Amino acid sequence: MSKADIAPPTLSDRMKTVKAAWDKAPSGPKKDIAHKHYVAAGKAMGEKKDQDVIRELDAAVKALG
């Protein structure tokens, strides 16, 4: 199987990955900020605003980092 045969992760996959990282993170202000971005990403996903989902998920990952 070549790289061309592998589909890029969907937004749903990215949501799951960020949620897993958030679940493993220690409590504190970074986790709280990441949660706000994760919730905003979920809302944007429901509104089918893909660019907003990506932006919020990236912000959540950055907050956890």
N, C-alpha and C. Protein backbone atom coordinates (compact mmCIF):
# COMPACT_ATOMS: atom_id res chain seq x y z
N MET A 1 0.85 -1.17 0.00
CA MET A 1 0.00 0.00 0.00
C MET A 1 0.90 1.24 0.00
N SER A 2 0.63 2.17 -0.89
CA SER A 2 1.42 3.39 -0.99
C SER A 2 0.78 4.49 -0.15
N LYS A 3 1.53 5.57 0.02
CA LYS A 3 1.00 6.70 0.78
C LYS A 3 -0.26 7.27 0.13
N ALA A 4 -0.34 7.15 -1.19
CA ALA A 4 -1.51 7.66 -1.90
C ALA A 4 -2.77 6.89 -1.54
N ASP A 5 -2.62 5.65 -1.08
CA ASP A 5 -3.76 4.82 -0.72
C ASP A 5 -4.28 5.12 0.68
N ILE A 6 -3.53 5.87 1.46
CA ILE A 6 -3.91 6.15 2.84
C ILE A 6 -4.63 7.50 2.89
N ALA A 7 -5.85 7.47 3.37
CA ALA A 7 -6.64 8.70 3.45
C ALA A 7 -6.14 9.56 4.61
N PRO A 8 -6.15 10.87 4.44
CA PRO A 8 -5.77 11.74 5.55
C PRO A 8 -6.81 11.64 6.66
N PRO A 9 -6.41 11.96 7.88
CA PRO A 9 -7.38 11.86 8.98
C PRO A 9 -8.56 12.82 8.77
N THR A 10 -9.72 12.36 9.13
CA THR A 10 -10.91 13.21 9.03
C THR A 10 -10.94 14.15 10.23
N LEU A 11 -11.82 15.13 10.17
CA LEU A 11 -11.97 16.03 11.32
C LEU A 11 -12.43 15.25 12.54
N SER A 12 -13.27 14.26 12.32
CA SER A 12 -13.73 13.42 13.43
C SER A 12 -12.55 12.68 14.07
N ASP A 13 -11.64 12.18 13.23
CA ASP A 13 -10.44 11.51 13.75
C ASP A 13 -9.59 12.48 14.56
N ARG A 14 -9.45 13.69 14.05
CA ARG A 14 -8.66 14.70 14.77
C ARG A 14 -9.32 15.06 16.10
N MET A 15 -10.65 15.14 16.12
CA MET A 15 -11.36 15.41 17.38
C MET A 15 -11.04 14.32 18.40
N LYS A 16 -11.09 13.07 17.96
CA LYS A 16 -10.81 11.94 18.86
C LYS A 16 -9.38 11.99 19.38
N THR A 17 -8.44 12.33 18.52
CA THR A 17 -7.04 12.40 18.91
C THR A 17 -6.81 13.50 19.95
N VAL A 18 -7.40 14.67 19.71
CA VAL A 18 -7.25 15.77 20.65
C VAL A 18 -7.94 15.44 21.97
N LYS A 19 -9.09 14.79 21.91
CA LYS A 19 -9.81 14.39 23.13
C LYS A 19 -8.96 13.43 23.95
N ALA A 20 -8.31 12.48 23.28
CA ALA A 20 -7.46 11.52 23.98
C ALA A 20 -6.29 12.23 24.65
N ALA A 21 -5.69 13.19 23.96
CA ALA A 21 -4.59 13.96 24.55
C ALA A 21 -5.08 14.78 25.73
N TRP A 22 -6.26 15.37 25.60
CA TRP A 22 -6.83 16.16 26.69
C TRP A 22 -7.10 15.28 27.90
N ASP A 23 -7.65 14.08 27.66
CA ASP A 23 -7.95 13.16 28.75
C ASP A 23 -6.70 12.79 29.54
N LYS A 24 -5.57 12.67 28.85
CA LYS A 24 -4.31 12.26 29.50
C LYS A 24 -3.59 13.41 30.18
N ALA A 25 -3.95 14.64 29.85
CA ALA A 25 -3.24 15.81 30.38
C ALA A 25 -3.56 16.00 31.86
N PRO A 26 -2.57 16.49 32.61
CA PRO A 26 -2.82 16.77 34.03
C PRO A 26 -3.75 17.98 34.18
N SER A 27 -4.48 18.01 35.27
CA SER A 27 -5.38 19.14 35.54
C SER A 27 -4.59 20.42 35.66
N GLY A 28 -5.22 21.51 35.29
CA GLY A 28 -4.56 22.80 35.41
C GLY A 28 -5.04 23.76 34.34
N PRO A 29 -4.46 24.96 34.32
CA PRO A 29 -4.93 25.98 33.39
C PRO A 29 -4.76 25.60 31.91
N LYS A 30 -3.69 24.88 31.57
CA LYS A 30 -3.49 24.48 30.18
C LYS A 30 -4.62 23.54 29.73
N LYS A 31 -4.99 22.63 30.60
CA LYS A 31 -6.06 21.70 30.27
C LYS A 31 -7.39 22.45 30.15
N ASP A 32 -7.61 23.42 31.01
CA ASP A 32 -8.84 24.21 30.96
C ASP A 32 -8.95 24.98 29.64
N ILE A 33 -7.84 25.59 29.22
CA ILE A 33 -7.84 26.34 27.96
C ILE A 33 -8.07 25.39 26.79
N ALA A 34 -7.40 24.24 26.82
CA ALA A 34 -7.57 23.26 25.74
C ALA A 34 -9.02 22.79 25.66
N HIS A 35 -9.66 22.62 26.82
CA HIS A 35 -11.05 22.18 26.83
C HIS A 35 -11.96 23.21 26.16
N LYS A 36 -11.72 24.49 26.42
CA LYS A 36 -12.52 25.54 25.79
C LYS A 36 -12.40 25.46 24.27
N HIS A 37 -11.18 25.24 23.78
CA HIS A 37 -10.97 25.13 22.33
C HIS A 37 -11.61 23.86 21.78
N TYR A 38 -11.54 22.77 22.54
CA TYR A 38 -12.15 21.51 22.10
C TYR A 38 -13.67 21.67 21.98
N VAL A 39 -14.28 22.30 22.96
CA VAL A 39 -15.73 22.53 22.93
C VAL A 39 -16.09 23.42 21.73
N ALA A 40 -15.29 24.46 21.50
CA ALA A 40 -15.54 25.35 20.36
C ALA A 40 -15.40 24.58 19.04
N ALA A 41 -14.45 23.65 18.98
CA ALA A 41 -14.28 22.82 17.78
C ALA A 41 -15.50 21.94 17.56
N GLY A 42 -16.03 21.39 18.63
CA GLY A 42 -17.24 20.57 18.52
C GLY A 42 -18.42 21.37 18.02
N LYS A 43 -18.55 22.59 18.51
CA LYS A 43 -19.64 23.46 18.05
C LYS A 43 -19.46 23.79 16.57
N ALA A 44 -18.24 24.13 16.18
CA ALA A 44 -17.95 24.45 14.78
C ALA A 44 -18.19 23.24 13.88
N MET A 45 -17.90 22.07 14.39
CA MET A 45 -18.12 20.85 13.61
C MET A 45 -19.62 20.67 13.35
N GLY A 46 -20.42 20.92 14.36
CA GLY A 46 -21.87 20.83 14.21
C GLY A 46 -22.42 21.83 13.22
N GLU A 47 -21.73 22.95 13.10
CA GLU A 47 -22.14 24.00 12.16
C GLU A 47 -21.48 23.83 10.79
N LYS A 48 -20.71 22.74 10.65
CA LYS A 48 -20.00 22.43 9.39
C LYS A 48 -19.05 23.54 8.96
N LYS A 49 -18.36 24.11 9.94
CA LYS A 49 -17.36 25.15 9.67
C LYS A 49 -15.97 24.52 9.84
N ASP A 50 -15.56 23.80 8.80
CA ASP A 50 -14.34 23.00 8.88
C ASP A 50 -13.10 23.81 9.26
N GLN A 51 -12.93 24.99 8.70
CA GLN A 51 -11.74 25.79 9.01
C GLN A 51 -11.73 26.20 10.48
N ASP A 52 -12.89 26.47 11.04
CA ASP A 52 -12.97 26.81 12.46
C ASP A 52 -12.63 25.60 13.32
N VAL A 53 -13.07 24.42 12.89
CA VAL A 53 -12.75 23.19 13.62
C VAL A 53 -11.24 23.01 13.66
N ILE A 54 -10.61 23.13 12.51
CA ILE A 54 -9.16 22.95 12.43
C ILE A 54 -8.44 23.97 13.30
N ARG A 55 -8.86 25.23 13.23
CA ARG A 55 -8.23 26.28 14.02
C ARG A 55 -8.35 25.99 15.52
N GLU A 56 -9.55 25.60 15.96
CA GLU A 56 -9.77 25.34 17.39
C GLU A 56 -9.01 24.10 17.87
N LEU A 57 -8.96 23.07 17.03
CA LEU A 57 -8.20 21.87 17.42
C LEU A 57 -6.71 22.18 17.51
N ASP A 58 -6.20 22.96 16.57
CA ASP A 58 -4.79 23.37 16.63
C ASP A 58 -4.52 24.17 17.90
N ALA A 59 -5.44 25.04 18.27
CA ALA A 59 -5.28 25.85 19.48
C ALA A 59 -5.32 24.96 20.73
N ALA A 60 -6.16 23.94 20.71
CA ALA A 60 -6.24 23.01 21.85
C ALA A 60 -4.93 22.26 22.01
N VAL A 61 -4.38 21.78 20.90
CA VAL A 61 -3.10 21.06 20.94
C VAL A 61 -1.99 21.99 21.45
N LYS A 62 -1.99 23.21 20.96
CA LYS A 62 -0.98 24.19 21.39
C LYS A 62 -1.09 24.46 22.89
N ALA A 63 -2.32 24.56 23.38
CA ALA A 63 -2.53 24.82 24.81
C ALA A 63 -2.01 23.67 25.67
N LEU A 64 -2.14 22.45 25.17
CA LEU A 64 -1.67 21.29 25.92
C LEU A 64 -0.16 21.14 25.87
N GLY A 65 0.46 21.71 24.84
CA GLY A 65 1.90 21.54 24.60
C GLY A 65 2.79 22.32 25.47
